N, C-alpha and C. Protein backbone atom coordinates (compact mmCIF):
# COMPACT_ATOMS: atom_id res chain seq x y z
N MET A 1 16.15 -12.47 -9.09
CA MET A 1 16.15 -11.67 -7.86
C MET A 1 14.71 -11.32 -7.47
N ARG A 2 14.45 -11.27 -6.18
CA ARG A 2 13.09 -10.96 -5.71
C ARG A 2 12.74 -9.51 -5.99
N GLN A 3 11.46 -9.26 -6.19
CA GLN A 3 10.96 -7.90 -6.33
C GLN A 3 10.62 -7.35 -4.95
N ILE A 4 10.71 -6.04 -4.80
CA ILE A 4 10.37 -5.40 -3.53
C ILE A 4 8.94 -4.89 -3.59
N ARG A 5 8.14 -5.22 -2.59
CA ARG A 5 6.75 -4.78 -2.50
C ARG A 5 6.55 -4.03 -1.18
N TRP A 6 5.72 -3.01 -1.21
CA TRP A 6 5.44 -2.21 -0.02
C TRP A 6 4.05 -2.53 0.49
N GLU A 7 3.92 -2.75 1.79
CA GLU A 7 2.62 -3.03 2.39
C GLU A 7 2.34 -2.00 3.48
N HIS A 8 1.23 -1.32 3.38
CA HIS A 8 0.77 -0.41 4.43
C HIS A 8 1.75 0.73 4.68
N ILE A 9 2.52 1.12 3.69
CA ILE A 9 3.46 2.22 3.86
C ILE A 9 3.20 3.23 2.75
N THR A 10 3.07 4.50 3.13
CA THR A 10 2.85 5.54 2.13
C THR A 10 4.09 6.43 2.03
N GLU A 11 4.18 7.18 0.95
CA GLU A 11 5.31 8.10 0.82
C GLU A 11 5.29 9.14 1.93
N ASP A 12 4.10 9.57 2.36
CA ASP A 12 4.02 10.54 3.45
C ASP A 12 4.61 9.97 4.74
N GLN A 13 4.38 8.68 4.98
CA GLN A 13 4.95 8.06 6.18
C GLN A 13 6.47 8.05 6.12
N ILE A 14 7.01 7.76 4.94
CA ILE A 14 8.46 7.75 4.80
C ILE A 14 9.02 9.14 5.07
N ARG A 15 8.38 10.18 4.53
CA ARG A 15 8.84 11.54 4.78
C ARG A 15 8.73 11.90 6.26
N ALA A 16 7.65 11.46 6.90
CA ALA A 16 7.44 11.79 8.32
C ALA A 16 8.52 11.18 9.20
N ILE A 17 9.03 10.03 8.81
CA ILE A 17 10.10 9.40 9.58
C ILE A 17 11.35 10.27 9.54
N GLY A 18 11.52 11.03 8.47
CA GLY A 18 12.69 11.88 8.35
C GLY A 18 13.94 11.08 8.08
N CYS A 19 13.81 10.00 7.33
CA CYS A 19 14.93 9.07 7.18
C CYS A 19 15.81 9.39 5.99
N GLY A 20 15.63 10.55 5.37
CA GLY A 20 16.54 10.94 4.31
C GLY A 20 16.11 10.51 2.93
N PHE A 21 15.04 9.74 2.82
CA PHE A 21 14.55 9.32 1.51
C PHE A 21 13.35 10.17 1.14
N GLN A 22 13.33 10.70 -0.05
CA GLN A 22 12.19 11.46 -0.52
C GLN A 22 11.21 10.61 -1.32
N ARG A 23 11.69 9.52 -1.87
CA ARG A 23 10.84 8.71 -2.74
C ARG A 23 11.09 7.23 -2.49
N PHE A 24 10.11 6.42 -2.85
CA PHE A 24 10.26 4.98 -2.74
C PHE A 24 11.48 4.48 -3.50
N ASP A 25 11.70 5.01 -4.71
CA ASP A 25 12.77 4.45 -5.54
C ASP A 25 14.13 4.64 -4.89
N GLU A 26 14.33 5.74 -4.16
CA GLU A 26 15.60 5.93 -3.46
C GLU A 26 15.78 4.85 -2.39
N MET A 27 14.72 4.63 -1.64
CA MET A 27 14.78 3.64 -0.57
C MET A 27 15.00 2.24 -1.15
N MET A 28 14.34 1.95 -2.25
CA MET A 28 14.47 0.63 -2.85
C MET A 28 15.88 0.39 -3.36
N LEU A 29 16.50 1.42 -3.93
CA LEU A 29 17.88 1.26 -4.41
C LEU A 29 18.82 0.91 -3.27
N VAL A 30 18.65 1.59 -2.13
CA VAL A 30 19.50 1.31 -0.98
C VAL A 30 19.24 -0.10 -0.46
N LEU A 31 17.97 -0.47 -0.35
CA LEU A 31 17.65 -1.81 0.14
C LEU A 31 18.21 -2.88 -0.78
N GLU A 32 18.08 -2.67 -2.08
CA GLU A 32 18.61 -3.65 -3.02
C GLU A 32 20.12 -3.78 -2.88
N GLU A 33 20.80 -2.65 -2.69
CA GLU A 33 22.25 -2.71 -2.54
C GLU A 33 22.64 -3.48 -1.28
N VAL A 34 21.91 -3.23 -0.20
CA VAL A 34 22.21 -3.94 1.04
C VAL A 34 21.91 -5.42 0.90
N LEU A 35 20.77 -5.74 0.28
CA LEU A 35 20.43 -7.15 0.07
C LEU A 35 21.53 -7.88 -0.69
N CYS A 36 22.07 -7.21 -1.71
CA CYS A 36 23.05 -7.86 -2.57
C CYS A 36 24.44 -7.91 -1.94
N LYS A 37 24.84 -6.82 -1.27
CA LYS A 37 26.24 -6.68 -0.87
C LYS A 37 26.49 -6.93 0.61
N HIS A 38 25.45 -6.80 1.43
CA HIS A 38 25.67 -6.88 2.88
C HIS A 38 24.66 -7.80 3.55
N PRO A 39 24.60 -9.07 3.17
CA PRO A 39 23.61 -9.96 3.79
C PRO A 39 23.83 -10.13 5.29
N GLU A 40 25.02 -9.82 5.79
CA GLU A 40 25.29 -10.00 7.22
C GLU A 40 24.50 -9.01 8.09
N CYS A 41 23.88 -8.01 7.49
CA CYS A 41 23.15 -7.03 8.30
C CYS A 41 21.74 -7.48 8.63
N PHE A 42 21.32 -8.65 8.15
CA PHE A 42 19.97 -9.11 8.42
C PHE A 42 19.91 -9.89 9.73
N HIS A 43 18.81 -9.71 10.45
CA HIS A 43 18.61 -10.40 11.71
C HIS A 43 17.25 -11.08 11.67
N VAL A 44 17.21 -12.36 12.00
CA VAL A 44 15.93 -13.07 12.02
C VAL A 44 15.17 -12.68 13.29
N ILE A 45 13.92 -12.26 13.13
CA ILE A 45 13.07 -11.97 14.28
C ILE A 45 12.25 -13.20 14.61
N ASP A 46 11.50 -13.71 13.65
CA ASP A 46 10.79 -14.97 13.84
C ASP A 46 10.46 -15.53 12.46
N GLY A 47 10.74 -16.77 12.27
CA GLY A 47 10.43 -17.41 11.00
C GLY A 47 11.02 -16.66 9.82
N THR A 48 10.16 -16.15 8.96
CA THR A 48 10.65 -15.44 7.77
C THR A 48 10.62 -13.93 7.95
N ARG A 49 10.25 -13.45 9.13
CA ARG A 49 10.24 -12.00 9.35
C ARG A 49 11.65 -11.55 9.72
N LEU A 50 12.14 -10.56 9.04
CA LEU A 50 13.50 -10.09 9.24
C LEU A 50 13.50 -8.59 9.49
N SER A 51 14.59 -8.11 10.02
CA SER A 51 14.78 -6.66 10.08
C SER A 51 16.15 -6.35 9.52
N VAL A 52 16.29 -5.16 9.01
CA VAL A 52 17.60 -4.70 8.56
C VAL A 52 17.79 -3.29 9.09
N CYS A 53 18.97 -3.02 9.56
CA CYS A 53 19.28 -1.69 10.09
C CYS A 53 20.29 -1.02 9.17
N PHE A 54 20.03 0.23 8.85
CA PHE A 54 21.03 1.04 8.16
C PHE A 54 21.54 2.06 9.17
N THR A 55 22.83 2.13 9.37
CA THR A 55 23.40 3.17 10.21
C THR A 55 24.54 3.82 9.47
N ASN A 56 24.86 5.03 9.84
CA ASN A 56 25.97 5.72 9.19
C ASN A 56 27.27 4.94 9.36
N ASP A 57 27.48 4.38 10.55
CA ASP A 57 28.71 3.64 10.80
C ASP A 57 28.80 2.41 9.91
N PHE A 58 27.68 1.71 9.78
CA PHE A 58 27.70 0.47 9.01
C PHE A 58 27.82 0.74 7.52
N CYS A 59 27.09 1.76 7.06
CA CYS A 59 26.97 1.94 5.62
C CYS A 59 28.15 2.65 5.00
N GLY A 60 28.85 3.45 5.79
CA GLY A 60 30.01 4.12 5.23
C GLY A 60 29.65 5.32 4.37
N GLU A 61 30.61 5.73 3.57
CA GLU A 61 30.48 6.98 2.83
C GLU A 61 29.27 7.02 1.92
N SER A 62 28.98 5.91 1.24
CA SER A 62 27.92 5.95 0.24
C SER A 62 26.55 6.16 0.87
N PHE A 63 26.43 5.93 2.18
CA PHE A 63 25.15 6.11 2.85
C PHE A 63 25.25 7.14 3.96
N ALA A 64 26.20 8.05 3.85
CA ALA A 64 26.49 8.96 4.96
C ALA A 64 25.31 9.86 5.31
N ASP A 65 24.41 10.11 4.35
CA ASP A 65 23.30 11.02 4.63
C ASP A 65 22.07 10.30 5.15
N ILE A 66 22.16 9.01 5.42
CA ILE A 66 21.00 8.24 5.86
C ILE A 66 21.15 7.95 7.35
N PRO A 67 20.21 8.39 8.18
CA PRO A 67 20.30 8.09 9.61
C PRO A 67 19.99 6.62 9.87
N ALA A 68 20.18 6.23 11.11
CA ALA A 68 19.86 4.85 11.49
C ALA A 68 18.40 4.56 11.18
N LEU A 69 18.16 3.45 10.55
CA LEU A 69 16.83 3.14 10.05
C LEU A 69 16.63 1.64 10.12
N ARG A 70 15.42 1.22 10.46
CA ARG A 70 15.13 -0.21 10.49
C ARG A 70 13.88 -0.46 9.66
N MET A 71 13.95 -1.49 8.84
CA MET A 71 12.79 -1.91 8.07
C MET A 71 12.41 -3.31 8.52
N TYR A 72 11.12 -3.57 8.60
CA TYR A 72 10.63 -4.91 8.88
C TYR A 72 10.00 -5.46 7.62
N PHE A 73 10.33 -6.69 7.32
CA PHE A 73 9.79 -7.26 6.09
C PHE A 73 9.81 -8.77 6.17
N TYR A 74 9.08 -9.38 5.29
CA TYR A 74 9.14 -10.83 5.13
C TYR A 74 9.28 -11.10 3.64
N TYR A 75 9.57 -12.32 3.30
CA TYR A 75 9.79 -12.60 1.89
C TYR A 75 9.28 -13.99 1.55
N ASP A 76 9.01 -14.16 0.27
CA ASP A 76 8.71 -15.48 -0.25
C ASP A 76 9.62 -15.70 -1.46
N GLN A 77 9.29 -16.66 -2.28
CA GLN A 77 10.16 -17.00 -3.40
C GLN A 77 10.33 -15.84 -4.39
N TYR A 78 9.30 -15.00 -4.49
CA TYR A 78 9.29 -14.00 -5.55
C TYR A 78 9.43 -12.56 -5.09
N ASN A 79 9.04 -12.26 -3.86
CA ASN A 79 8.96 -10.88 -3.43
C ASN A 79 9.55 -10.67 -2.04
N ILE A 80 9.91 -9.42 -1.77
CA ILE A 80 10.23 -8.96 -0.43
C ILE A 80 9.13 -7.97 -0.07
N TYR A 81 8.43 -8.21 1.04
CA TYR A 81 7.30 -7.37 1.44
C TYR A 81 7.73 -6.51 2.62
N ILE A 82 7.86 -5.22 2.41
CA ILE A 82 8.25 -4.31 3.49
C ILE A 82 6.98 -3.89 4.22
N THR A 83 6.94 -4.16 5.52
CA THR A 83 5.71 -3.94 6.29
C THR A 83 5.79 -2.77 7.25
N ALA A 84 6.99 -2.34 7.61
CA ALA A 84 7.11 -1.22 8.54
C ALA A 84 8.50 -0.64 8.43
N VAL A 85 8.60 0.63 8.73
CA VAL A 85 9.88 1.34 8.72
C VAL A 85 9.91 2.20 9.96
N ASP A 86 11.01 2.16 10.69
CA ASP A 86 11.15 3.10 11.80
C ASP A 86 12.61 3.47 11.98
N VAL A 87 12.83 4.51 12.78
CA VAL A 87 14.20 4.94 13.02
C VAL A 87 14.78 4.13 14.17
N GLY A 88 16.08 3.96 14.14
CA GLY A 88 16.74 3.18 15.17
C GLY A 88 17.12 4.01 16.37
N PRO A 89 17.60 3.35 17.42
CA PRO A 89 17.95 4.07 18.66
C PRO A 89 19.06 5.08 18.45
N GLU A 90 19.98 4.82 17.53
CA GLU A 90 21.06 5.77 17.29
C GLU A 90 20.49 7.10 16.79
N TYR A 91 19.48 7.00 15.93
CA TYR A 91 18.86 8.21 15.39
C TYR A 91 18.08 8.94 16.48
N ASP A 92 17.40 8.19 17.33
CA ASP A 92 16.67 8.81 18.43
C ASP A 92 17.61 9.63 19.31
N LYS A 93 18.80 9.12 19.56
CA LYS A 93 19.76 9.85 20.39
C LYS A 93 20.22 11.12 19.69
N GLU A 94 20.42 11.05 18.38
CA GLU A 94 20.90 12.22 17.64
C GLU A 94 19.91 13.38 17.69
N ILE A 95 18.61 13.09 17.65
CA ILE A 95 17.65 14.18 17.55
C ILE A 95 17.11 14.62 18.91
N SER A 96 17.46 13.89 19.98
CA SER A 96 16.93 14.28 21.29
C SER A 96 17.87 15.27 21.97
């Protein structure tokens, strides 16, 4: 299985997003679960760059405390490189 690597993302940035994760390891556990169990949630943007969205509706009970979230990443044979994280439009509507 590929390892997850973070690029240009700090823990402070994750907290500032307000996405419900306090630490990298929490976010990584969720991403790993989605990678393994829900490959249908991935969307190709261009070439090997992908995005994945987590929403309360999609994730169900086990992810009920996580707002809509999108991660941008690319991957090679050995690693998944997460390059950006932002909140999705569903989350924007909830807080406005």
